[in-house]
């Protein structure tokens, strides 16, 4: 009889843990959906083209990544000996511009 009671208590505790985990996960997912921006956003990004890396700020429609507008920050030749430093600085500039454009569009 005592074994049955302990087994029921353990099952009850496991059920509560499983429910709490499910509630946290589904609640987090719902908050992400509620917080997701509805309109287009400015983002900093980069891509390779013809032996160079372009650092740009793009206005994209989230969800399908349609590019609505793009501003070139800098194009760095991949063979540049100072590539890493220039790339880091360019991405910082692109992020700053994206934040500025975002603040102007609100």
Protein backbone atom coordinates (compact mmCIF):
# COMPACT_ATOMS: atom_id res chain seq x y z
CA UNK A 1 0.00 0.00 0.00
CA UNK A 2 2.81 2.41 0.90
CA UNK A 3 4.54 1.71 -2.44
CA UNK A 4 1.35 2.64 -4.31
CA UNK A 5 1.06 5.95 -2.44
CA UNK A 6 4.71 6.81 -3.17
CA UNK A 7 4.24 5.92 -6.85
CA UNK A 8 1.19 8.19 -7.05
CA UNK A 9 3.09 11.04 -5.39
CA UNK A 10 6.01 10.65 -7.81
CA UNK A 11 3.63 10.58 -10.78
CA UNK A 12 1.87 13.67 -9.47
CA UNK A 13 5.16 15.55 -9.08
CA UNK A 14 6.24 14.52 -12.60
CA UNK A 15 2.88 15.69 -13.98
CA UNK A 16 3.27 19.09 -12.28
CA UNK A 17 6.83 19.46 -13.64
CA UNK A 18 5.69 18.50 -17.15
CA UNK A 19 2.80 20.97 -17.03
CA UNK A 20 4.99 23.79 -15.70
CA UNK A 21 7.56 23.15 -18.44
CA UNK A 22 4.86 23.17 -21.12
CA UNK A 23 3.34 26.38 -19.72
CA UNK A 24 6.72 28.16 -19.72
CA UNK A 25 7.57 27.07 -23.25
CA UNK A 26 4.19 27.95 -24.73
CA UNK A 27 4.11 31.24 -22.81
CA UNK A 28 7.55 32.21 -24.12
CA UNK A 29 6.54 31.39 -27.69
CA UNK A 30 3.38 33.47 -27.34
CA UNK A 31 5.32 36.47 -26.00
CA UNK A 32 7.74 36.25 -28.92
CA UNK A 33 4.82 36.38 -31.32
CA UNK A 34 3.27 39.34 -29.50
CA UNK A 35 6.57 41.26 -29.46
CA UNK A 36 7.50 40.54 -33.08
CA UNK A 37 7.56 43.74 -35.12
CA UNK A 38 4.70 44.05 -37.57
CA UNK A 39 6.31 46.30 -40.16
CA UNK A 40 9.61 46.41 -41.99
CA UNK A 41 12.82 46.84 -40.00
CA UNK A 42 16.30 48.17 -40.68
CA UNK A 43 19.05 45.57 -40.17
CA UNK A 44 22.83 45.54 -40.54
CA UNK A 45 24.17 42.73 -42.69
CA UNK A 46 26.93 41.79 -45.11
CA UNK A 47 27.42 39.66 -48.19
CA UNK A 48 30.15 38.69 -50.64
CA UNK A 49 30.27 39.95 -54.21
CA UNK A 50 33.11 39.78 -56.78
CA UNK A 51 35.94 39.16 -54.31
CA UNK A 52 34.76 41.76 -51.81
CA UNK A 53 32.48 41.97 -48.79
CA UNK A 54 29.74 44.57 -48.78
CA UNK A 55 28.51 45.81 -45.43
CA UNK A 56 25.04 47.27 -45.81
CA UNK A 57 21.99 48.46 -43.95
CA UNK A 58 18.80 46.96 -45.33
CA UNK A 59 15.16 47.64 -44.77
CA UNK A 60 13.54 44.21 -44.80
CA UNK A 61 10.07 42.86 -44.30
CA UNK A 62 10.48 40.27 -41.57
CA UNK A 63 9.10 36.84 -42.20
CA UNK A 64 9.94 36.66 -45.88
CA UNK A 65 13.13 38.80 -45.88
CA UNK A 66 12.04 41.00 -48.80
CA UNK A 67 14.62 43.77 -49.23
CA UNK A 68 12.78 47.08 -49.51
CA UNK A 69 15.81 49.39 -49.40
CA UNK A 70 19.57 49.08 -49.02
CA UNK A 71 22.36 51.51 -48.12
CA UNK A 72 26.00 50.58 -48.69
CA UNK A 73 28.24 51.31 -45.70
CA UNK A 74 31.49 50.03 -47.21
CA UNK A 75 32.88 47.48 -49.63
CA UNK A 76 36.06 45.76 -48.42
CA UNK A 77 38.24 43.71 -50.78
CA UNK A 78 38.60 40.18 -49.40
CA UNK A 79 42.36 40.40 -50.04
CA UNK A 80 42.78 43.52 -47.86
CA UNK A 81 45.44 42.89 -45.21
CA UNK A 82 43.38 44.85 -42.64
CA UNK A 83 40.11 43.12 -43.53
CA UNK A 84 39.13 42.02 -40.01
CA UNK A 85 39.55 45.47 -38.46
CA UNK A 86 37.72 47.20 -41.30
CA UNK A 87 34.92 44.63 -41.22
CA UNK A 88 34.36 45.01 -37.47
CA UNK A 89 34.32 48.81 -37.76
CA UNK A 90 31.98 48.68 -40.75
CA UNK A 91 29.51 46.37 -38.98
CA UNK A 92 29.52 48.69 -35.94
CA UNK A 93 28.76 51.62 -38.26
CA UNK A 94 26.03 49.62 -40.00
CA UNK A 95 24.40 48.74 -36.67
CA UNK A 96 24.51 52.39 -35.61
CA UNK A 97 22.89 53.46 -38.89
CA UNK A 98 20.24 50.75 -38.59
CA UNK A 99 19.38 52.00 -35.09
CA UNK A 100 19.22 55.58 -36.36
CA UNK A 101 16.96 54.64 -39.28
CA UNK A 102 14.74 52.62 -36.92
CA UNK A 103 14.38 55.55 -34.55
CA UNK A 104 13.40 57.83 -37.42
CA UNK A 105 10.76 55.43 -38.73
CA UNK A 106 8.90 55.03 -35.40
